[in-house]
C-alpha cells in the first residue's frame, strides 16, 4: 500500500507541475509577443487603413463601406483603449461582430461577405504594408 501512495503522489506532482508549466507558457505566449501595436485593415486584399493602437486611448468609430457589382454593405470599426473590433455590420450572419475586440496578433477579425480583414502586427508601419498573415 505504501508504494501505491508514493507512486500516486509522484504522478500527482508530475501532472501538477506539467499543468503549471503549460499554463506559464500559454500566458507568456498570449501576453508577451502577441500584443500588437498596429492594426491594418484590408478590403478585398487591399490595405484601406492603418491604425496605431497605442495612440488611441479614447473610443472612436469609423465606417468602411463595401461595394461590388451586385452588393453594397458596411462595417463600423470601433477602436478603444488599444483594441479594435467591428461594432456593427450589415452582413447576414454578423460573425465579425461576435469576434469581439482584439489587441493580439494571434487571431485576425474577418468579415467574409464584405471581404474585410483586420490584422494586428507588432512592428511599426513602413513604406509598404505587410501582407495579410495567414496561419
N, C-alpha and C. Protein backbone atom coordinates (compact mmCIF):
# COMPACT_ATOMS: atom_id res chain seq x y z
N UNK A 1 0.82 -1.19 0.00
CA UNK A 1 0.00 0.00 0.00
C UNK A 1 0.86 1.25 0.00
N UNK A 2 1.98 1.23 0.69
CA UNK A 2 2.84 2.40 0.81
C UNK A 2 3.42 2.80 -0.55
N UNK A 3 3.77 1.81 -1.38
CA UNK A 3 4.33 2.09 -2.69
C UNK A 3 3.28 2.71 -3.60
N UNK A 4 2.01 2.28 -3.48
CA UNK A 4 0.93 2.84 -4.30
C UNK A 4 0.70 4.31 -3.95
N UNK A 5 0.72 4.63 -2.66
CA UNK A 5 0.54 6.03 -2.24
C UNK A 5 1.69 6.90 -2.74
N UNK A 6 2.91 6.39 -2.62
CA UNK A 6 4.08 7.15 -3.08
C UNK A 6 4.02 7.37 -4.59
N UNK A 7 3.68 6.32 -5.32
CA UNK A 7 3.57 6.43 -6.77
C UNK A 7 2.47 7.40 -7.16
N UNK A 8 1.34 7.36 -6.47
CA UNK A 8 0.24 8.29 -6.73
C UNK A 8 0.66 9.73 -6.48
N UNK A 9 1.41 9.95 -5.42
CA UNK A 9 1.88 11.30 -5.11
C UNK A 9 2.87 11.80 -6.17
N UNK A 10 3.76 10.93 -6.59
CA UNK A 10 4.73 11.31 -7.63
C UNK A 10 4.00 11.66 -8.93
N UNK A 11 3.05 10.86 -9.30
CA UNK A 11 2.28 11.13 -10.52
C UNK A 11 1.49 12.43 -10.37
N UNK A 12 0.90 12.65 -9.22
CA UNK A 12 0.16 13.89 -8.97
C UNK A 12 1.03 15.12 -9.06
N UNK A 13 2.22 15.05 -8.47
CA UNK A 13 3.16 16.17 -8.52
C UNK A 13 3.62 16.40 -9.96
N UNK A 14 3.88 15.33 -10.69
CA UNK A 14 4.30 15.45 -12.08
C UNK A 14 3.22 16.11 -12.93
N UNK A 15 1.98 15.66 -12.79
CA UNK A 15 0.87 16.23 -13.56
C UNK A 15 0.64 17.69 -13.16
N UNK A 16 0.70 18.00 -11.89
CA UNK A 16 0.54 19.38 -11.43
C UNK A 16 1.64 20.28 -11.98
N UNK A 17 2.87 19.79 -11.94
CA UNK A 17 3.99 20.57 -12.48
C UNK A 17 3.87 20.78 -13.98
N UNK A 18 3.44 19.75 -14.69
CA UNK A 18 3.23 19.85 -16.13
C UNK A 18 2.14 20.87 -16.45
N UNK A 19 1.06 20.85 -15.70
CA UNK A 19 -0.03 21.81 -15.90
C UNK A 19 0.46 23.23 -15.62
N UNK A 20 1.26 23.41 -14.60
CA UNK A 20 1.80 24.73 -14.28
C UNK A 20 2.70 25.24 -15.40
N UNK A 21 3.58 24.40 -15.90
CA UNK A 21 4.47 24.79 -16.99
C UNK A 21 3.66 25.16 -18.23
N UNK A 22 2.66 24.36 -18.57
CA UNK A 22 1.81 24.66 -19.73
C UNK A 22 1.08 25.99 -19.54
N UNK A 23 0.59 26.24 -18.35
CA UNK A 23 -0.09 27.50 -18.06
C UNK A 23 0.82 28.70 -18.21
N UNK A 24 2.05 28.59 -17.71
CA UNK A 24 3.01 29.69 -17.80
C UNK A 24 3.38 29.94 -19.27
N UNK A 25 3.61 28.88 -20.03
CA UNK A 25 3.95 29.03 -21.44
C UNK A 25 2.80 29.70 -22.19
N UNK A 26 1.57 29.24 -21.98
CA UNK A 26 0.42 29.86 -22.63
C UNK A 26 0.25 31.32 -22.24
N UNK A 27 0.45 31.63 -20.97
CA UNK A 27 0.33 33.01 -20.51
C UNK A 27 1.31 33.92 -21.25
N UNK A 28 2.58 33.53 -21.30
CA UNK A 28 3.58 34.37 -21.94
C UNK A 28 3.39 34.42 -23.45
N UNK A 29 2.87 33.35 -24.02
CA UNK A 29 2.61 33.34 -25.45
C UNK A 29 1.48 34.31 -25.80
N UNK A 30 0.44 34.36 -24.99
CA UNK A 30 -0.68 35.23 -25.25
C UNK A 30 -0.39 36.68 -24.86
N UNK A 31 0.35 36.90 -23.79
CA UNK A 31 0.61 38.25 -23.30
C UNK A 31 1.89 38.85 -23.86
N UNK A 32 2.91 38.03 -24.02
CA UNK A 32 4.22 38.55 -24.39
C UNK A 32 4.30 39.06 -25.81
N UNK A 33 4.63 38.21 -26.74
CA UNK A 33 4.85 38.63 -28.11
C UNK A 33 3.56 38.97 -28.84
N UNK A 34 2.44 38.52 -28.34
CA UNK A 34 1.23 38.63 -29.11
C UNK A 34 0.47 39.94 -28.99
N UNK A 35 0.88 40.87 -28.15
CA UNK A 35 0.11 42.10 -28.05
C UNK A 35 0.61 43.08 -29.09
N UNK A 36 -0.17 43.26 -30.12
CA UNK A 36 0.24 44.08 -31.25
C UNK A 36 0.05 45.56 -30.98
N UNK A 37 0.66 46.36 -31.84
CA UNK A 37 0.58 47.80 -31.69
C UNK A 37 -0.12 48.46 -32.87
N UNK A 38 -0.16 47.82 -34.00
CA UNK A 38 -0.73 48.42 -35.21
C UNK A 38 -1.79 47.52 -35.81
N UNK A 39 -2.87 48.13 -36.23
CA UNK A 39 -3.94 47.38 -36.90
C UNK A 39 -3.95 47.79 -38.37
N UNK A 40 -3.97 46.80 -39.24
CA UNK A 40 -4.08 47.02 -40.67
C UNK A 40 -5.44 46.49 -41.10
N UNK A 41 -6.17 47.31 -41.83
CA UNK A 41 -7.49 46.91 -42.30
C UNK A 41 -7.42 46.75 -43.82
N UNK A 42 -7.74 45.55 -44.27
CA UNK A 42 -7.71 45.21 -45.68
C UNK A 42 -9.13 44.96 -46.16
N UNK A 43 -9.40 45.39 -47.39
CA UNK A 43 -10.66 45.03 -48.02
C UNK A 43 -10.34 44.51 -49.41
N UNK A 44 -10.78 43.30 -49.65
CA UNK A 44 -10.51 42.62 -50.92
C UNK A 44 -9.01 42.55 -51.20
N UNK A 45 -8.21 42.36 -50.11
CA UNK A 45 -6.77 42.20 -50.23
C UNK A 45 -5.99 43.50 -50.34
N UNK A 46 -6.68 44.65 -50.31
CA UNK A 46 -6.03 45.95 -50.45
C UNK A 46 -6.07 46.67 -49.10
N UNK A 47 -4.92 47.22 -48.69
CA UNK A 47 -4.87 47.97 -47.43
C UNK A 47 -5.70 49.24 -47.58
N UNK A 48 -6.69 49.42 -46.68
CA UNK A 48 -7.53 50.61 -46.73
C UNK A 48 -7.26 51.56 -45.56
N UNK A 49 -6.68 51.04 -44.47
CA UNK A 49 -6.40 51.92 -43.33
C UNK A 49 -5.42 51.23 -42.39
N UNK A 50 -4.55 52.01 -41.77
CA UNK A 50 -3.66 51.51 -40.71
C UNK A 50 -3.84 52.38 -39.50
N UNK A 51 -3.81 51.75 -38.31
CA UNK A 51 -4.09 52.45 -37.07
C UNK A 51 -3.04 52.09 -36.04
N UNK A 52 -2.47 53.11 -35.41
CA UNK A 52 -1.55 52.90 -34.29
C UNK A 52 -2.41 52.76 -33.04
N UNK A 53 -2.51 51.55 -32.52
CA UNK A 53 -3.38 51.28 -31.37
C UNK A 53 -2.84 51.87 -30.07
N UNK A 54 -1.56 52.22 -30.02
CA UNK A 54 -1.01 52.80 -28.80
C UNK A 54 -1.38 54.27 -28.66
N UNK A 55 -1.75 54.92 -29.74
CA UNK A 55 -2.10 56.34 -29.70
C UNK A 55 -3.53 56.59 -29.24
N UNK A 56 -4.40 55.65 -29.46
CA UNK A 56 -5.83 55.89 -29.26
C UNK A 56 -6.31 55.24 -27.95
N UNK A 57 -6.47 56.07 -26.94
CA UNK A 57 -6.98 55.58 -25.66
C UNK A 57 -8.48 55.80 -25.53
N UNK A 58 -8.99 56.85 -26.17
CA UNK A 58 -10.43 57.11 -26.13
C UNK A 58 -11.10 56.42 -27.31
N UNK A 59 -12.30 55.94 -27.09
CA UNK A 59 -13.02 55.18 -28.11
C UNK A 59 -13.46 56.09 -29.26
N UNK A 60 -13.35 55.54 -30.47
CA UNK A 60 -13.91 56.21 -31.64
C UNK A 60 -14.29 55.15 -32.66
N UNK A 61 -15.17 55.52 -33.57
CA UNK A 61 -15.66 54.61 -34.60
C UNK A 61 -15.52 55.25 -35.97
N UNK A 62 -15.43 54.42 -36.98
CA UNK A 62 -15.47 54.88 -38.36
C UNK A 62 -16.09 53.75 -39.20
N UNK A 63 -16.54 54.10 -40.38
CA UNK A 63 -17.25 53.14 -41.24
C UNK A 63 -16.41 52.85 -42.47
N UNK A 64 -16.36 51.58 -42.82
CA UNK A 64 -15.76 51.15 -44.09
C UNK A 64 -16.89 50.56 -44.92
N UNK A 65 -17.09 51.13 -46.10
CA UNK A 65 -18.16 50.67 -46.97
C UNK A 65 -17.64 49.65 -47.95
N UNK A 66 -18.52 48.72 -48.31
CA UNK A 66 -18.21 47.68 -49.27
C UNK A 66 -19.13 47.87 -50.47
N UNK A 67 -18.58 47.73 -51.65
CA UNK A 67 -19.39 47.86 -52.85
C UNK A 67 -18.85 46.93 -53.92
N UNK A 68 -19.73 46.16 -54.51
CA UNK A 68 -19.38 45.32 -55.66
C UNK A 68 -20.44 45.55 -56.73
N UNK A 69 -20.36 44.82 -57.80
CA UNK A 69 -21.34 44.98 -58.88
C UNK A 69 -22.75 44.63 -58.42
N UNK A 70 -22.85 43.72 -57.45
CA UNK A 70 -24.17 43.23 -57.05
C UNK A 70 -24.54 43.55 -55.61
N UNK A 71 -23.58 43.93 -54.79
CA UNK A 71 -23.86 44.12 -53.37
C UNK A 71 -23.25 45.41 -52.83
N UNK A 72 -23.85 45.89 -51.76
CA UNK A 72 -23.32 47.02 -51.01
C UNK A 72 -23.42 46.67 -49.53
N UNK A 73 -22.52 47.24 -48.73
CA UNK A 73 -22.58 46.96 -47.30
C UNK A 73 -21.63 47.86 -46.54
N UNK A 74 -21.59 47.66 -45.22
CA UNK A 74 -20.71 48.47 -44.38
C UNK A 74 -20.28 47.67 -43.15
N UNK A 75 -19.15 48.09 -42.61
CA UNK A 75 -18.66 47.63 -41.31
C UNK A 75 -18.31 48.86 -40.50
N UNK A 76 -18.82 48.94 -39.27
CA UNK A 76 -18.45 50.01 -38.36
C UNK A 76 -17.33 49.48 -37.48
N UNK A 77 -16.17 50.13 -37.55
CA UNK A 77 -14.99 49.70 -36.81
C UNK A 77 -14.89 50.53 -35.53
N UNK A 78 -14.67 49.85 -34.40
CA UNK A 78 -14.51 50.51 -33.11
C UNK A 78 -13.06 50.35 -32.65
N UNK A 79 -12.43 51.46 -32.29
CA UNK A 79 -11.09 51.46 -31.70
C UNK A 79 -11.24 52.00 -30.29
N UNK A 80 -10.78 51.22 -29.30
CA UNK A 80 -10.97 51.63 -27.91
C UNK A 80 -9.85 51.08 -27.04
N UNK A 81 -9.07 51.97 -26.46
CA UNK A 81 -8.06 51.62 -25.46
C UNK A 81 -7.11 50.51 -25.92
N UNK A 82 -6.56 50.65 -27.12
CA UNK A 82 -5.60 49.69 -27.63
C UNK A 82 -6.20 48.44 -28.24
N UNK A 83 -7.50 48.42 -28.41
CA UNK A 83 -8.18 47.27 -29.02
C UNK A 83 -8.98 47.74 -30.23
N UNK A 84 -9.29 46.80 -31.11
CA UNK A 84 -10.07 47.11 -32.30
C UNK A 84 -11.07 45.97 -32.54
N UNK A 85 -12.22 46.33 -33.09
CA UNK A 85 -13.23 45.33 -33.39
C UNK A 85 -14.29 45.92 -34.31
N UNK A 86 -15.24 45.11 -34.68
CA UNK A 86 -16.35 45.54 -35.53
C UNK A 86 -17.57 45.65 -34.63
N UNK A 87 -18.10 46.87 -34.50
CA UNK A 87 -19.24 47.09 -33.61
C UNK A 87 -20.57 46.94 -34.33
N UNK A 88 -20.58 47.09 -35.65
CA UNK A 88 -21.82 46.96 -36.41
C UNK A 88 -21.48 46.59 -37.85
N UNK A 89 -22.34 45.82 -38.46
CA UNK A 89 -22.18 45.44 -39.86
C UNK A 89 -23.54 45.02 -40.40
N UNK A 90 -23.71 45.17 -41.70
CA UNK A 90 -24.98 44.74 -42.29
C UNK A 90 -24.87 43.41 -43.03
N UNK A 91 -23.84 42.64 -42.71
CA UNK A 91 -23.71 41.31 -43.30
C UNK A 91 -24.74 40.37 -42.67
N UNK A 92 -25.09 39.29 -43.35
CA UNK A 92 -26.18 38.44 -42.87
C UNK A 92 -25.94 37.75 -41.52
N UNK A 93 -24.74 37.23 -41.27
CA UNK A 93 -24.54 36.42 -40.07
C UNK A 93 -23.91 37.18 -38.90
N UNK A 94 -23.31 38.33 -39.16
CA UNK A 94 -22.69 39.18 -38.14
C UNK A 94 -21.60 38.46 -37.33
N UNK A 95 -20.97 37.47 -37.94
CA UNK A 95 -19.88 36.75 -37.28
C UNK A 95 -18.74 37.69 -36.91
N UNK A 96 -18.49 38.66 -37.76
CA UNK A 96 -17.39 39.62 -37.50
C UNK A 96 -17.64 40.39 -36.21
N UNK A 97 -18.88 40.73 -35.91
CA UNK A 97 -19.19 41.43 -34.66
C UNK A 97 -18.96 40.52 -33.45
N UNK A 98 -19.30 39.26 -33.60
CA UNK A 98 -19.17 38.31 -32.50
C UNK A 98 -17.73 37.94 -32.20
N UNK A 99 -16.79 38.33 -33.08
CA UNK A 99 -15.37 38.04 -32.83
C UNK A 99 -14.82 38.92 -31.72
N UNK A 100 -15.52 39.99 -31.38
CA UNK A 100 -15.14 40.84 -30.25
C UNK A 100 -14.01 41.79 -30.58
N UNK A 101 -13.49 42.41 -29.53
CA UNK A 101 -12.38 43.35 -29.63
C UNK A 101 -11.07 42.58 -29.50
N UNK A 102 -10.10 42.91 -30.32
CA UNK A 102 -8.81 42.22 -30.26
C UNK A 102 -7.68 43.22 -30.04
N UNK A 103 -6.61 42.74 -29.44
CA UNK A 103 -5.40 43.53 -29.28
C UNK A 103 -4.17 42.66 -29.49
N UNK A 104 -4.37 41.46 -29.95
CA UNK A 104 -3.31 40.47 -30.10
C UNK A 104 -3.11 40.12 -31.56
N UNK A 105 -1.90 39.71 -31.89
CA UNK A 105 -1.58 39.30 -33.25
C UNK A 105 -2.06 37.89 -33.57
N UNK A 106 -2.61 37.19 -32.59
CA UNK A 106 -2.91 35.78 -32.76
C UNK A 106 -4.06 35.49 -33.71
N UNK A 107 -5.12 36.29 -33.68
CA UNK A 107 -6.29 36.00 -34.49
C UNK A 107 -6.80 37.27 -35.15
N UNK A 108 -6.92 37.29 -36.49
CA UNK A 108 -7.49 38.46 -37.15
C UNK A 108 -9.01 38.44 -37.06
N UNK A 109 -9.62 39.58 -37.33
CA UNK A 109 -11.07 39.66 -37.47
C UNK A 109 -11.37 39.65 -38.95
N UNK A 110 -12.35 38.86 -39.35
CA UNK A 110 -12.71 38.79 -40.76
C UNK A 110 -14.21 38.96 -40.94
N UNK A 111 -14.57 39.61 -42.03
CA UNK A 111 -15.96 39.69 -42.47
C UNK A 111 -15.95 39.18 -43.91
N UNK A 112 -16.30 37.93 -44.09
CA UNK A 112 -16.22 37.32 -45.41
C UNK A 112 -17.16 37.96 -46.43
N UNK A 113 -18.43 38.28 -46.08
CA UNK A 113 -19.30 38.88 -47.09
C UNK A 113 -18.77 40.22 -47.63
N UNK A 114 -18.07 40.99 -46.78
CA UNK A 114 -17.54 42.29 -47.20
C UNK A 114 -16.06 42.24 -47.53
N UNK A 115 -15.48 41.03 -47.52
CA UNK A 115 -14.07 40.82 -47.86
C UNK A 115 -13.14 41.71 -47.04
N UNK A 116 -13.43 41.79 -45.73
CA UNK A 116 -12.69 42.67 -44.83
C UNK A 116 -11.87 41.83 -43.85
N UNK A 117 -10.62 42.25 -43.61
CA UNK A 117 -9.73 41.59 -42.64
C UNK A 117 -9.08 42.67 -41.81
N UNK A 118 -9.10 42.49 -40.49
CA UNK A 118 -8.37 43.36 -39.58
C UNK A 118 -7.25 42.52 -38.96
N UNK A 119 -6.02 42.90 -39.25
CA UNK A 119 -4.84 42.16 -38.80
C UNK A 119 -4.02 43.05 -37.89
N UNK A 120 -3.61 42.55 -36.75
CA UNK A 120 -2.76 43.31 -35.82
C UNK A 120 -1.33 42.79 -35.95
N UNK A 121 -0.40 43.74 -35.98
CA UNK A 121 1.03 43.40 -36.07
C UNK A 121 1.79 44.17 -35.01
N UNK A 122 2.96 43.68 -34.66
CA UNK A 122 3.79 44.31 -33.63
C UNK A 122 4.64 45.44 -34.17
N UNK A 123 5.13 45.28 -35.38
CA UNK A 123 6.10 46.25 -35.88
C UNK A 123 5.42 47.51 -36.41
N UNK A 124 6.21 48.58 -36.44
CA UNK A 124 5.72 49.88 -36.90
C UNK A 124 5.46 49.84 -38.40
N UNK A 125 4.51 50.63 -38.85
CA UNK A 125 4.26 50.67 -40.29
C UNK A 125 5.46 51.27 -41.02
N UNK A 126 5.69 50.77 -42.22
CA UNK A 126 6.77 51.31 -43.04
C UNK A 126 6.18 51.70 -44.40
N UNK A 127 7.01 51.87 -45.38
CA UNK A 127 6.52 52.31 -46.69
C UNK A 127 5.53 51.31 -47.29
N UNK A 128 5.77 50.03 -47.10
CA UNK A 128 4.87 49.01 -47.64
C UNK A 128 4.15 48.33 -46.51
N UNK A 129 2.85 48.16 -46.66
CA UNK A 129 2.07 47.45 -45.64
C UNK A 129 2.40 45.96 -45.72
N UNK A 130 2.34 45.29 -44.57
CA UNK A 130 2.62 43.85 -44.59
C UNK A 130 1.51 43.09 -45.31
N UNK A 131 1.87 41.96 -45.85
CA UNK A 131 0.86 41.09 -46.45
C UNK A 131 -0.07 40.59 -45.37
N UNK A 132 -1.26 40.20 -45.77
CA UNK A 132 -2.19 39.60 -44.83
C UNK A 132 -1.57 38.31 -44.31
N UNK A 133 -1.52 38.16 -43.00
CA UNK A 133 -0.90 36.99 -42.38
C UNK A 133 -1.93 35.89 -42.28
N UNK A 134 -1.61 34.73 -42.83
CA UNK A 134 -2.49 33.58 -42.72
C UNK A 134 -1.75 32.49 -41.99
N UNK A 135 -2.40 31.87 -41.06
CA UNK A 135 -1.77 30.81 -40.27
C UNK A 135 -2.29 29.47 -40.68
